[in-house]
Protein backbone atom coordinates (compact mmCIF):
# COMPACT_ATOMS: atom_id res chain seq x y z
CA UNK A 1 70.32 107.05 112.70
CA UNK A 2 72.87 105.90 115.34
CA UNK A 3 76.49 105.02 114.59
CA UNK A 4 79.03 103.46 116.33
CA UNK A 5 82.56 103.94 115.49
CA UNK A 6 85.66 102.02 116.82
CA UNK A 7 89.29 102.83 117.22
CA UNK A 8 92.33 101.43 118.98
CA UNK A 9 93.30 98.44 117.03
CA UNK A 10 96.78 97.15 115.70
CA UNK A 11 99.55 95.27 115.17
CA UNK A 12 101.14 94.23 118.53
CA UNK A 13 103.64 91.89 120.10
CA UNK A 14 102.37 89.11 121.96
CA UNK A 15 102.24 90.40 125.99
CA UNK A 16 101.36 93.61 124.71
CA UNK A 17 98.47 95.76 125.03
CA UNK A 18 95.55 97.09 123.44
CA UNK A 19 93.04 99.95 124.42
CA UNK A 20 89.69 99.44 122.11
CA UNK A 21 87.39 102.25 122.10
CA UNK A 22 83.84 102.80 120.57
CA UNK A 23 81.57 105.47 120.60
CA UNK A 24 77.83 105.80 119.94
CA UNK A 25 76.08 108.85 118.28
CA UNK A 26 73.04 110.20 116.37
CA UNK A 27 69.24 110.21 118.35
CA UNK A 28 70.27 108.00 121.00
CA UNK A 29 67.71 107.78 124.39
CA UNK A 30 69.50 105.68 126.36
CA UNK A 31 72.06 102.28 125.95
CA UNK A 32 71.51 99.43 127.26
CA UNK A 33 73.67 96.68 126.95
CA UNK A 34 77.22 97.46 125.61
CA UNK A 35 79.71 94.79 124.01
CA UNK A 36 82.36 93.63 122.32
CA UNK A 37 82.79 90.61 119.75
CA UNK A 38 85.83 89.46 117.64
CA UNK A 39 85.78 87.30 114.49
CA UNK A 40 89.07 85.42 113.49
CA UNK A 41 89.38 84.31 109.91
CA UNK A 42 87.27 81.31 109.11
CA UNK A 43 85.63 81.56 112.97
CA UNK A 44 82.21 82.38 113.96
CA UNK A 45 81.89 86.01 115.36
CA UNK A 46 81.82 85.14 119.70
CA UNK A 47 81.62 87.58 122.26
CA UNK A 48 84.38 88.95 124.08
CA UNK A 49 82.94 91.13 127.09
CA UNK A 50 79.70 92.75 127.33
CA UNK A 51 78.87 95.67 130.10
CA UNK A 52 75.14 96.79 131.36
CA UNK A 53 74.17 100.11 131.87
CA UNK A 54 74.48 99.72 135.49
CA UNK A 55 78.13 98.43 135.17
CA UNK A 56 77.72 94.40 135.48
CA UNK A 57 80.30 92.88 132.82
CA UNK A 58 80.77 89.45 131.55
CA UNK A 59 83.41 87.76 130.09
CA UNK A 60 84.37 85.07 127.76
CA UNK A 61 86.34 82.33 129.32
CA UNK A 62 89.33 83.04 127.15
CA UNK A 63 89.68 86.58 127.87
CA UNK A 64 88.92 86.66 131.68
CA UNK A 65 91.89 88.36 133.92
CA UNK A 66 93.79 89.91 130.93
CA UNK A 67 91.16 91.81 129.20
CA UNK A 68 88.75 94.62 130.48
CA UNK A 69 85.72 96.30 129.73
CA UNK A 70 84.39 99.93 130.87
CA UNK A 71 81.84 102.48 129.89
CA UNK A 72 81.24 106.35 129.97
CA UNK A 73 77.59 106.22 130.22
CA UNK A 74 78.15 110.20 129.96
CA UNK A 75 80.01 110.14 126.61
CA UNK A 76 77.88 107.16 125.18
CA UNK A 77 81.75 105.34 125.05
CA UNK A 78 82.68 101.75 125.93
CA UNK A 79 86.21 100.64 126.44
CA UNK A 80 88.26 97.27 126.12
CA UNK A 81 91.71 97.23 127.58
CA UNK A 82 92.87 94.18 126.18
CA UNK A 83 96.68 92.91 128.50
CA UNK A 84 99.08 90.32 128.00
CA UNK A 85 97.91 89.38 124.30
CA UNK A 86 98.03 86.52 122.90
CA UNK A 87 98.06 85.62 119.12
CA UNK A 88 95.23 83.83 119.05
CA UNK A 89 93.12 87.20 120.12
CA UNK A 90 93.88 88.19 116.52
CA UNK A 91 90.56 88.89 114.63
CA UNK A 92 88.51 91.68 113.85
CA UNK A 93 86.88 93.37 117.18
CA UNK A 94 83.55 94.84 117.02
CA UNK A 95 81.43 97.19 119.11
CA UNK A 96 77.93 96.10 119.78
CA UNK A 97 75.08 98.05 121.37
CA UNK A 98 71.68 97.61 122.28
CA UNK A 99 70.17 101.52 121.86
CA UNK A 100 66.68 103.16 122.54
CA UNK A 101 66.54 105.38 120.19
CA UNK A 102 64.08 108.71 119.64
CA UNK A 103 61.81 106.45 117.66
CA UNK A 104 61.47 104.82 121.05
CA UNK A 105 62.53 101.74 119.33
CA UNK A 106 65.52 99.40 120.47
CA UNK A 107 67.56 98.27 118.48
CA UNK A 108 70.79 96.32 117.80
CA UNK A 109 73.91 98.22 116.56
CA UNK A 110 77.03 97.40 115.33
CA UNK A 111 80.78 99.35 114.69
CA UNK A 112 82.20 98.65 111.18
CA UNK A 113 85.04 96.58 113.28
CA UNK A 114 88.82 97.43 114.04
CA UNK A 115 91.65 95.04 113.06
CA UNK A 116 93.66 93.84 115.97
CA UNK A 117 96.78 91.62 115.23
CA UNK A 118 99.13 89.85 117.77
CA UNK A 119 102.20 88.88 116.29
CA UNK A 120 104.37 85.87 117.84
């Protein structure tokens, strides 16, 4: 059994910052790419940022220069530092990870989501 648990969401004023964390636990042999997605009401889920095990990063154009993704492989944890937040960043943020489990199968896992609300 593998679980992803997010934390760090909340309510913040425009221009503020939040740091989201996501820790993976369970029968894990290796975690490949980890990422953050978000879904606003009435919209499709979209990629925010991703990071490979080696540290290569990818960002949505809408967050480049404002968000920074990082990971700690020893802790099976991924972070995203969100700065200069805008009301349009309001969404439920989901953690995603591609994990090789003890059953020697690579599967995609999702966290339960954490709400980020940015007030104007």
